Each structure stands twice: as C-alpha cells, then as structure tokens.
PDB file of N, CA and C in Angstrom:
ATOM      1  N   MET A   1     101.148  98.356  95.916  1.00  0.00           N
ATOM      2  CA  MET A   1     101.835  97.421  96.745  1.00  0.00           C
ATOM      3  C   MET A   1     102.243  98.118  98.031  1.00  0.00           C
ATOM      4  N   ALA A   2     101.928  97.514  99.160  1.00  0.00           N
ATOM      5  CA  ALA A   2     102.297  98.087 100.454  1.00  0.00           C
ATOM      6  C   ALA A   2     103.781  97.831 100.719  1.00  0.00           C
ATOM      7  N   LEU A   3     104.521  98.901 100.909  1.00  0.00           N
ATOM      8  CA  LEU A   3     105.949  98.799 101.222  1.00  0.00           C
ATOM      9  C   LEU A   3     106.163  98.712 102.732  1.00  0.00           C
ATOM     10  N   ALA A   4     105.378  99.478 103.488  1.00  0.00           N
ATOM     11  CA  ALA A   4     105.422  99.466 104.950  1.00  0.00           C
ATOM     12  C   ALA A   4     103.997  99.669 105.435  1.00  0.00           C
ATOM     13  N   SER A   5     103.649  99.023 106.552  1.00  0.00           N
ATOM     14  CA  SER A   5     102.265  99.099 106.992  1.00  0.00           C
ATOM     15  C   SER A   5     102.123  98.795 108.472  1.00  0.00           C
ATOM     16  N   GLY A   6     101.137  99.421 109.071  1.00  0.00           N
ATOM     17  CA  GLY A   6     100.766  99.133 110.447  1.00  0.00           C
ATOM     18  C   GLY A   6      99.596  98.166 110.538  1.00  0.00           C
ATOM     19  N   TYR A   7      99.230  97.533 109.433  1.00  0.00           N
ATOM     20  CA  TYR A   7      98.111  96.602 109.390  1.00  0.00           C
ATOM     21  C   TYR A   7      98.629  95.177 109.214  1.00  0.00           C
ATOM     22  N   GLU A   8      98.178  94.271 110.067  1.00  0.00           N
ATOM     23  CA  GLU A   8      98.614  92.870 109.993  1.00  0.00           C
ATOM     24  C   GLU A   8      98.267  92.222 108.660  1.00  0.00           C
ATOM     25  N   SER A   9      97.199  92.683 108.015  1.00  0.00           N
ATOM     26  CA  SER A   9      96.785  92.091 106.743  1.00  0.00           C
ATOM     27  C   SER A   9      97.800  92.338 105.619  1.00  0.00           C
ATOM     28  N   ASP A  10      98.665  93.324 105.801  1.00  0.00           N
ATOM     29  CA  ASP A  10      99.726  93.596 104.817  1.00  0.00           C
ATOM     30  C   ASP A  10     100.974  92.812 105.208  1.00  0.00           C
ATOM     31  N   SER A  11     100.871  91.506 105.157  1.00  0.00           N
ATOM     32  CA  SER A  11     101.912  90.625 105.690  1.00  0.00           C
ATOM     33  C   SER A  11     103.247  90.719 104.957  1.00  0.00           C
ATOM     34  N   GLU A  12     103.259  91.143 103.705  1.00  0.00           N
ATOM     35  CA  GLU A  12     104.509  91.245 102.944  1.00  0.00           C
ATOM     36  C   GLU A  12     105.228  92.578 103.166  1.00  0.00           C
ATOM     37  N   ALA A  13     104.567  93.529 103.815  1.00  0.00           N
ATOM     38  CA  ALA A  13     105.132  94.868 104.009  1.00  0.00           C
ATOM     39  C   ALA A  13     105.989  94.917 105.272  1.00  0.00           C
ATOM     40  N   LEU A  14     106.896  95.870 105.299  1.00  0.00           N
ATOM     41  CA  LEU A  14     107.677  96.139 106.496  1.00  0.00           C
ATOM     42  C   LEU A  14     106.719  96.595 107.587  1.00  0.00           C
ATOM     43  N   PRO A  15     106.708  95.934 108.754  1.00  0.00           N
ATOM     44  CA  PRO A  15     105.771  96.350 109.799  1.00  0.00           C
ATOM     45  C   PRO A  15     106.219  97.652 110.469  1.00  0.00           C
ATOM     46  N   ILE A  16     105.250  98.527 110.716  1.00  0.00           N
ATOM     47  CA  ILE A  16     105.503  99.771 111.443  1.00  0.00           C
ATOM     48  C   ILE A  16     104.442  99.903 112.527  1.00  0.00           C
ATOM     49  N   ARG A  17     104.686 100.754 113.501  1.00  0.00           N
ATOM     50  CA  ARG A  17     103.770 100.902 114.635  1.00  0.00           C
ATOM     51  C   ARG A  17     102.899 102.139 114.471  1.00  0.00           C
ATOM     52  N   ALA A  18     102.131 102.162 113.433  1.00  0.00           N
ATOM     53  CA  ALA A  18     101.200 103.260 113.172  1.00  0.00           C
ATOM     54  C   ALA A  18     100.120 102.740 112.238  1.00  0.00           C
ATOM     55  N   ARG A  19      98.936 103.274 112.323  1.00  0.00           N
ATOM     56  CA  ARG A  19      97.849 102.910 111.417  1.00  0.00           C
ATOM     57  C   ARG A  19      98.039 103.661 110.106  1.00  0.00           C
ATOM     58  N   THR A  20      99.106 103.308 109.420  1.00  0.00           N
ATOM     59  CA  THR A  20      99.547 103.985 108.208  1.00  0.00           C
ATOM     60  C   THR A  20     100.001 102.949 107.201  1.00  0.00           C
ATOM     61  N   ARG A  21      99.867 103.298 105.931  1.00  0.00           N
ATOM     62  CA  ARG A  21     100.422 102.464 104.857  1.00  0.00           C
ATOM     63  C   ARG A  21     101.299 103.329 103.974  1.00  0.00           C
ATOM     64  N   VAL A  22     102.435 102.792 103.593  1.00  0.00           N
ATOM     65  CA  VAL A  22     103.291 103.415 102.592  1.00  0.00           C
ATOM     66  C   VAL A  22     103.200 102.502 101.372  1.00  0.00           C
ATOM     67  N   LEU A  23     102.633 103.038 100.301  1.00  0.00           N
ATOM     68  CA  LEU A  23     102.378 102.259  99.090  1.00  0.00           C
ATOM     69  C   LEU A  23     103.280 102.738  97.963  1.00  0.00           C
ATOM     70  N   GLY A  24     103.655 101.855  97.093  1.00  0.00           N
ATOM     71  CA  GLY A  24     104.450 102.206  95.926  1.00  0.00           C
ATOM     72  C   GLY A  24     103.846 101.610  94.675  1.00  0.00           C
ATOM     73  N   ALA A  25     104.024 102.300  93.551  1.00  0.00           N
ATOM     74  CA  ALA A  25     103.500 101.791  92.279  1.00  0.00           C
ATOM     75  C   ALA A  25     104.363 102.296  91.129  1.00  0.00           C
ATOM     76  N   THR A  26     104.404 101.504  90.078  1.00  0.00           N
ATOM     77  CA  THR A  26     105.038 101.872  88.820  1.00  0.00           C
ATOM     78  C   THR A  26     103.966 101.799  87.738  1.00  0.00           C
ATOM     79  N   LEU A  27     103.820 102.869  86.985  1.00  0.00           N
ATOM     80  CA  LEU A  27     102.821 102.913  85.917  1.00  0.00           C
ATOM     81  C   LEU A  27     103.498 103.248  84.596  1.00  0.00           C
ATOM     82  N   ARG A  28     103.095 102.590  83.549  1.00  0.00           N
ATOM     83  CA  ARG A  28     103.555 102.918  82.202  1.00  0.00           C
ATOM     84  C   ARG A  28     102.707 104.057  81.653  1.00  0.00           C
ATOM     85  N   ALA A  29     103.258 104.814  80.736  1.00  0.00           N
ATOM     86  CA  ALA A  29     102.517 105.927  80.119  1.00  0.00           C
ATOM     87  C   ALA A  29     101.160 105.432  79.630  1.00  0.00           C
ATOM     88  N   GLY A  30     100.113 106.145  80.004  1.00  0.00           N
ATOM     89  CA  GLY A  30      98.762 105.789  79.602  1.00  0.00           C
ATOM     90  C   GLY A  30      98.018 104.915  80.599  1.00  0.00           C
ATOM     91  N   GLU A  31      98.735 104.253  81.511  1.00  0.00           N
ATOM     92  CA  GLU A  31      98.063 103.418  82.507  1.00  0.00           C
ATOM     93  C   GLU A  31      97.356 104.289  83.540  1.00  0.00           C
ATOM     94  N   GLN A  32      96.258 103.743  84.048  1.00  0.00           N
ATOM     95  CA  GLN A  32      95.490 104.437  85.073  1.00  0.00           C
ATOM     96  C   GLN A  32      95.338 103.549  86.293  1.00  0.00           C
ATOM     97  N   LEU A  33      95.189 104.192  87.437  1.00  0.00           N
ATOM     98  CA  LEU A  33      95.018 103.481  88.701  1.00  0.00           C
ATOM     99  C   LEU A  33      94.042 104.290  89.540  1.00  0.00           C
ATOM    100  N   VAL A  34      93.074 103.613  90.120  1.00  0.00           N
ATOM    101  CA  VAL A  34      92.127 104.273  91.013  1.00  0.00           C
ATOM    102  C   VAL A  34      92.258 103.612  92.368  1.00  0.00           C
ATOM    103  N   ASP A  35      92.398 104.423  93.403  1.00  0.00           N
ATOM    104  CA  ASP A  35      92.517 103.928  94.771  1.00  0.00           C
ATOM    105  C   ASP A  35      91.549 104.730  95.616  1.00  0.00           C
ATOM    106  N   ARG A  36      91.219 104.220  96.760  1.00  0.00           N
ATOM    107  CA  ARG A  36      90.320 104.974  97.620  1.00  0.00           C
ATOM    108  C   ARG A  36      91.018 105.243  98.947  1.00  0.00           C
ATOM    109  N   LEU A  37      90.620 106.322  99.554  1.00  0.00           N
ATOM    110  CA  LEU A  37      91.057 106.620 100.910  1.00  0.00           C
ATOM    111  C   LEU A  37      89.886 106.308 101.830  1.00  0.00           C
ATOM    112  N   GLU A  38      90.169 105.653 102.939  1.00  0.00           N
ATOM    113  CA  GLU A  38      89.110 105.405 103.902  1.00  0.00           C
ATOM    114  C   GLU A  38      88.620 106.740 104.442  1.00  0.00           C
ATOM    115  N   VAL A  39      87.395 106.755 104.947  1.00  0.00           N
ATOM    116  CA  VAL A  39      86.810 107.974 105.509  1.00  0.00           C
ATOM    117  C   VAL A  39      87.730 108.520 106.604  1.00  0.00           C
ATOM    118  N   ASN A  40      87.874 109.830 106.635  1.00  0.00           N
ATOM    119  CA  ASN A  40      88.687 110.527 107.637  1.00  0.00           C
ATOM    120  C   ASN A  40      90.174 110.177 107.562  1.00  0.00           C
ATOM    121  N   ARG A  41      90.674 109.866 106.378  1.00  0.00           N
ATOM    122  CA  ARG A  41      92.102 109.623 106.210  1.00  0.00           C
ATOM    123  C   ARG A  41      92.646 110.627 105.212  1.00  0.00           C
ATOM    124  N   MET A  42      93.951 110.776 105.228  1.00  0.00           N
ATOM    125  CA  MET A  42      94.612 111.697 104.312  1.00  0.00           C
ATOM    126  C   MET A  42      95.722 110.943 103.598  1.00  0.00           C
ATOM    127  N   GLY A  43      96.137 111.485 102.483  1.00  0.00           N
ATOM    128  CA  GLY A  43      97.235 110.875 101.744  1.00  0.00           C
ATOM    129  C   GLY A  43      98.257 111.925 101.356  1.00  0.00           C
ATOM    130  N   TYR A  44      99.489 111.475 101.206  1.00  0.00           N
ATOM    131  CA  TYR A  44     100.533 112.330 100.653  1.00  0.00           C
ATOM    132  C   TYR A  44     101.187 111.533  99.546  1.00  0.00           C
ATOM    133  N   LEU A  45     101.130 112.046  98.338  1.00  0.00           N
ATOM    134  CA  LEU A  45     101.629 111.341  97.164  1.00  0.00           C
ATOM    135  C   LEU A  45     102.828 112.083  96.589  1.00  0.00           C
ATOM    136  N   VAL A  46     103.862 111.336  96.251  1.00  0.00           N
ATOM    137  CA  VAL A  46     105.047 111.903  95.604  1.00  0.00           C
ATOM    138  C   VAL A  46     105.285 111.152  94.303  1.00  0.00           C
ATOM    139  N   ALA A  47     105.396 111.898  93.217  1.00  0.00           N
ATOM    140  CA  ALA A  47     105.800 111.319  91.936  1.00  0.00           C
ATOM    141  C   ALA A  47     107.325 111.258  91.958  1.00  0.00           C
ATOM    142  N   THR A  48     107.883 110.073  92.120  1.00  0.00           N
ATOM    143  CA  THR A  48     109.341 109.962  92.202  1.00  0.00           C
ATOM    144  C   THR A  48     110.006 109.997  90.835  1.00  0.00           C
ATOM    145  N   ARG A  49     109.232 109.652  89.800  1.00  0.00           N
ATOM    146  CA  ARG A  49     109.753 109.661  88.422  1.00  0.00           C
ATOM    147  C   ARG A  49     108.586 109.822  87.479  1.00  0.00           C
ATOM    148  N   GLY A  50     108.794 110.498  86.380  1.00  0.00           N
ATOM    149  CA  GLY A  50     107.775 110.610  85.347  1.00  0.00           C
ATOM    150  C   GLY A  50     106.837 111.788  85.539  1.00  0.00           C
ATOM    151  N   ARG A  51     105.629 111.637  85.012  1.00  0.00           N
ATOM    152  CA  ARG A  51     104.598 112.682  85.086  1.00  0.00           C
ATOM    153  C   ARG A  51     103.253 112.000  85.294  1.00  0.00           C
ATOM    154  N   LEU A  52     102.475 112.516  86.250  1.00  0.00           N
ATOM    155  CA  LEU A  52     101.179 111.943  86.599  1.00  0.00           C
ATOM    156  C   LEU A  52     100.097 113.008  86.602  1.00  0.00           C
ATOM    157  N   ALA A  53      98.874 112.599  86.314  1.00  0.00           N
ATOM    158  CA  ALA A  53      97.699 113.419  86.598  1.00  0.00           C
ATOM    159  C   ALA A  53      97.029 112.758  87.801  1.00  0.00           C
ATOM    160  N   VAL A  54      96.883 113.508  88.879  1.00  0.00           N
ATOM    161  CA  VAL A  54      96.285 113.014  90.117  1.00  0.00           C
ATOM    162  C   VAL A  54      94.979 113.769  90.332  1.00  0.00           C
ATOM    163  N   ASN A  55      93.864 113.081  90.153  1.00  0.00           N
ATOM    164  CA  ASN A  55      92.547 113.736  90.201  1.00  0.00           C
ATOM    165  C   ASN A  55      92.547 114.976  89.324  1.00  0.00           C
ATOM    166  N   GLY A  56      93.203 114.867  88.166  1.00  0.00           N
ATOM    167  CA  GLY A  56      93.223 115.955  87.198  1.00  0.00           C
ATOM    168  C   GLY A  56      94.316 116.990  87.401  1.00  0.00           C
ATOM    169  N   VAL A  57      95.097 116.873  88.475  1.00  0.00           N
ATOM    170  CA  VAL A  57      96.174 117.829  88.764  1.00  0.00           C
ATOM    171  C   VAL A  57      97.504 117.221  88.309  1.00  0.00           C
ATOM    172  N   LEU A  58      98.282 117.988  87.554  1.00  0.00           N
ATOM    173  CA  LEU A  58      99.548 117.504  87.012  1.00  0.00           C
ATOM    174  C   LEU A  58     100.636 117.491  88.080  1.00  0.00           C
ATOM    175  N   LEU A  59     101.348 116.365  88.197  1.00  0.00           N
ATOM    176  CA  LEU A  59     102.526 116.242  89.061  1.00  0.00           C
ATOM    177  C   LEU A  59     103.699 115.817  88.207  1.00  0.00           C
ATOM    178  N   GLU A  60     104.774 116.563  88.299  1.00  0.00           N
ATOM    179  CA  GLU A  60     106.040 116.220  87.643  1.00  0.00           C
ATOM    180  C   GLU A  60     106.891 115.409  88.619  1.00  0.00           C
ATOM    181  N   ALA A  61     107.979 114.838  88.146  1.00  0.00           N
ATOM    182  CA  ALA A  61     108.891 114.088  89.014  1.00  0.00           C
ATOM    183  C   ALA A  61     109.294 114.950  90.203  1.00  0.00           C
ATOM    184  N   ARG A  62     109.248 114.367  91.382  1.00  0.00           N
ATOM    185  CA  ARG A  62     109.603 114.968  92.670  1.00  0.00           C
ATOM    186  C   ARG A  62     108.578 115.961  93.197  1.00  0.00           C
ATOM    187  N   ASP A  63     107.435 116.108  92.517  1.00  0.00           N
ATOM    188  CA  ASP A  63     106.340 116.910  93.058  1.00  0.00           C
ATOM    189  C   ASP A  63     105.575 116.070  94.076  1.00  0.00           C
ATOM    190  N   GLY A  64     104.997 116.738  95.052  1.00  0.00           N
ATOM    191  CA  GLY A  64     104.175 116.066  96.049  1.00  0.00           C
ATOM    192  C   GLY A  64     102.800 116.692  96.108  1.00  0.00           C
ATOM    193  N   ALA A  65     101.835 115.924  96.601  1.00  0.00           N
ATOM    194  CA  ALA A  65     100.468 116.427  96.733  1.00  0.00           C
ATOM    195  C   ALA A  65      99.854 115.889  98.019  1.00  0.00           C
ATOM    196  N   ALA A  66      99.318 116.783  98.829  1.00  0.00           N
ATOM    197  CA  ALA A  66      98.549 116.390 100.006  1.00  0.00           C
ATOM    198  C   ALA A  66      97.115 116.158  99.538  1.00  0.00           C
ATOM    199  N   ILE A  67      96.531 115.043  99.942  1.00  0.00           N
ATOM    200  CA  ILE A  67      95.203 114.665  99.467  1.00  0.00           C
ATOM    201  C   ILE A  67      94.309 114.407 100.671  1.00  0.00           C
ATOM    202  N   ARG A  68      93.174 115.094 100.709  1.00  0.00           N
ATOM    203  CA  ARG A  68      92.197 114.856 101.774  1.00  0.00           C
ATOM    204  C   ARG A  68      90.824 115.282 101.291  1.00  0.00           C
ATOM    205  N   ASP A  69      89.819 114.883 102.042  1.00  0.00           N
ATOM    206  CA  ASP A  69      88.436 115.233 101.731  1.00  0.00           C
ATOM    207  C   ASP A  69      87.991 114.746 100.354  1.00  0.00           C
ATOM    208  N   VAL A  70      88.543 113.627  99.904  1.00  0.00           N
ATOM    209  CA  VAL A  70      88.085 112.974  98.680  1.00  0.00           C
ATOM    210  C   VAL A  70      87.906 111.492  98.988  1.00  0.00           C
ATOM    211  N   ALA A  71      86.986 110.856  98.296  1.00  0.00           N
ATOM    212  CA  ALA A  71      86.748 109.430  98.517  1.00  0.00           C
ATOM    213  C   ALA A  71      87.728 108.569  97.738  1.00  0.00           C
ATOM    214  N   GLY A  72      88.298 109.133  96.669  1.00  0.00           N
ATOM    215  CA  GLY A  72      89.175 108.332  95.836  1.00  0.00           C
ATOM    216  C   GLY A  72      90.280 109.136  95.206  1.00  0.00           C
ATOM    217  N   ILE A  73      91.272 108.410  94.734  1.00  0.00           N
ATOM    218  CA  ILE A  73      92.408 109.016  94.048  1.00  0.00           C
ATOM    219  C   ILE A  73      92.478 108.375  92.673  1.00  0.00           C
ATOM    220  N   SER A  74      92.430 109.194  91.641  1.00  0.00           N
ATOM    221  CA  SER A  74      92.519 108.724  90.266  1.00  0.00           C
ATOM    222  C   SER A  74      93.873 109.163  89.709  1.00  0.00           C
ATOM    223  N   LEU A  75      94.674 108.194  89.303  1.00  0.00           N
ATOM    224  CA  LEU A  75      96.013 108.466  88.783  1.00  0.00           C
ATOM    225  C   LEU A  75      96.078 108.070  87.317  1.00  0.00           C
ATOM    226  N   GLU A  76      96.738 108.893  86.520  1.00  0.00           N
ATOM    227  CA  GLU A  76      97.019 108.548  85.133  1.00  0.00           C
ATOM    228  C   GLU A  76      98.468 108.908  84.850  1.00  0.00           C
ATOM    229  N   ALA A  77      99.236 107.948  84.368  1.00  0.00           N
ATOM    230  CA  ALA A  77     100.633 108.201  84.009  1.00  0.00           C
ATOM    231  C   ALA A  77     100.668 108.854  82.634  1.00  0.00           C
ATOM    232  N   LEU A  78     101.189 110.065  82.575  1.00  0.00           N
ATOM    233  CA  LEU A  78     101.344 110.762  81.300  1.00  0.00           C
ATOM    234  C   LEU A  78     102.672 110.386  80.655  1.00  0.00           C
ATOM    235  N   LEU A  79     103.636 110.012  81.467  1.00  0.00           N
ATOM    236  CA  LEU A  79     104.906 109.392  81.074  1.00  0.00           C
ATOM    237  C   LEU A  79     105.088 108.195  81.993  1.00  0.00           C
ATOM    238  N   ASP A  80     105.991 107.274  81.668  1.00  0.00           N
ATOM    239  CA  ASP A  80     106.293 106.202  82.612  1.00  0.00           C
ATOM    240  C   ASP A  80     106.586 106.848  83.959  1.00  0.00           C
ATOM    241  N   ALA A  81     105.994 106.296  85.027  1.00  0.00           N
ATOM    242  CA  ALA A  81     106.078 106.966  86.318  1.00  0.00           C
ATOM    243  C   ALA A  81     106.205 105.973  87.466  1.00  0.00           C
ATOM    244  N   GLU A  82     106.815 106.453  88.538  1.00  0.00           N
ATOM    245  CA  GLU A  82     106.851 105.742  89.814  1.00  0.00           C
ATOM    246  C   GLU A  82     106.310 106.697  90.861  1.00  0.00           C
ATOM    247  N   LEU A  83     105.629 106.133  91.862  1.00  0.00           N
ATOM    248  CA  LEU A  83     105.065 106.994  92.890  1.00  0.00           C
ATOM    249  C   LEU A  83     105.079 106.308  94.240  1.00  0.00           C
ATOM    250  N   ILE A  84     105.015 107.136  95.266  1.00  0.00           N
ATOM    251  CA  ILE A  84     104.873 106.697  96.647  1.00  0.00           C
ATOM    252  C   ILE A  84     103.642 107.404  97.203  1.00  0.00           C
ATOM    253  N   LEU A  85     102.772 106.648  97.879  1.00  0.00           N
ATOM    254  CA  LEU A  85     101.597 107.218  98.524  1.00  0.00           C
ATOM    255  C   LEU A  85     101.618 106.798  99.976  1.00  0.00           C
ATOM    256  N   VAL A  86     101.537 107.791 100.866  1.00  0.00           N
ATOM    257  CA  VAL A  86     101.434 107.517 102.296  1.00  0.00           C
ATOM    258  C   VAL A  86     100.000 107.815 102.709  1.00  0.00           C
ATOM    259  N   ASP A  87      99.323 106.802 103.248  1.00  0.00           N
ATOM    260  CA  ASP A  87      97.933 106.897 103.691  1.00  0.00           C
ATOM    261  C   ASP A  87      97.957 106.997 105.204  1.00  0.00           C
ATOM    262  N   VAL A  88      97.544 108.140 105.765  1.00  0.00           N
ATOM    263  CA  VAL A  88      97.664 108.381 107.209  1.00  0.00           C
ATOM    264  C   VAL A  88      96.346 108.832 107.824  1.00  0.00           C
ATOM    265  N   PRO A  89      96.184 108.603 109.132  1.00  0.00           N
ATOM    266  CA  PRO A  89      95.004 109.125 109.813  1.00  0.00           C
ATOM    267  C   PRO A  89      95.145 110.626 109.992  1.00  0.00           C
ATOM    268  N   PRO A  90      94.020 111.332 110.133  1.00  0.00           N
ATOM    269  CA  PRO A  90      94.089 112.789 110.324  1.00  0.00           C
ATOM    270  C   PRO A  90      94.651 113.171 111.689  1.00  0.00           C
TER     271      PRO A  90
END
C-alpha cells in the first residue's frame, strides 16, 4: 500500500514532490510478498516489527536494507511483521 507517493496514480497516498513511493505492508508469519523495482531504481526497506527474509537475507525488527541492482524483492515473514519500503530513483 502506498503511504506517500509522487505518482498521480497513487491517489490514496499522501502526495509528495518526488518520483518516489513510500510503501507499507503487514505480513503474518509465513506470508510471502514479491514486488519489483523498476529498472534503474533503488529501494530502502526497514522491518519495523517482526522478522523478515528479504531475498534470502534475514532482517530483524528495526533492521534496514538498501536494495539495488535486482529486478525484484522477495519477502517472507518469519514472524508477524510490518515493513516500510521506500522506492527511489538512483
């Protein structure tokens, strides 16, 4: 879900003046989510609660991960989890 966005198509999100999206998600233990990053974009993901595997890398609550040079992001909640993902241009 887009929380804030510089894209008009994200009409429910808080508008910002940048080609960026701030996304939020809540996952139950065992749930998986796959998202993609557009070409030449980067992401910064923070696990605000719980435990996640992000492209196979473990993130505990309050851990962050810079993500680039990948076509997709694969998330798996190892515990009930909440996360924030910021999708930004390089």
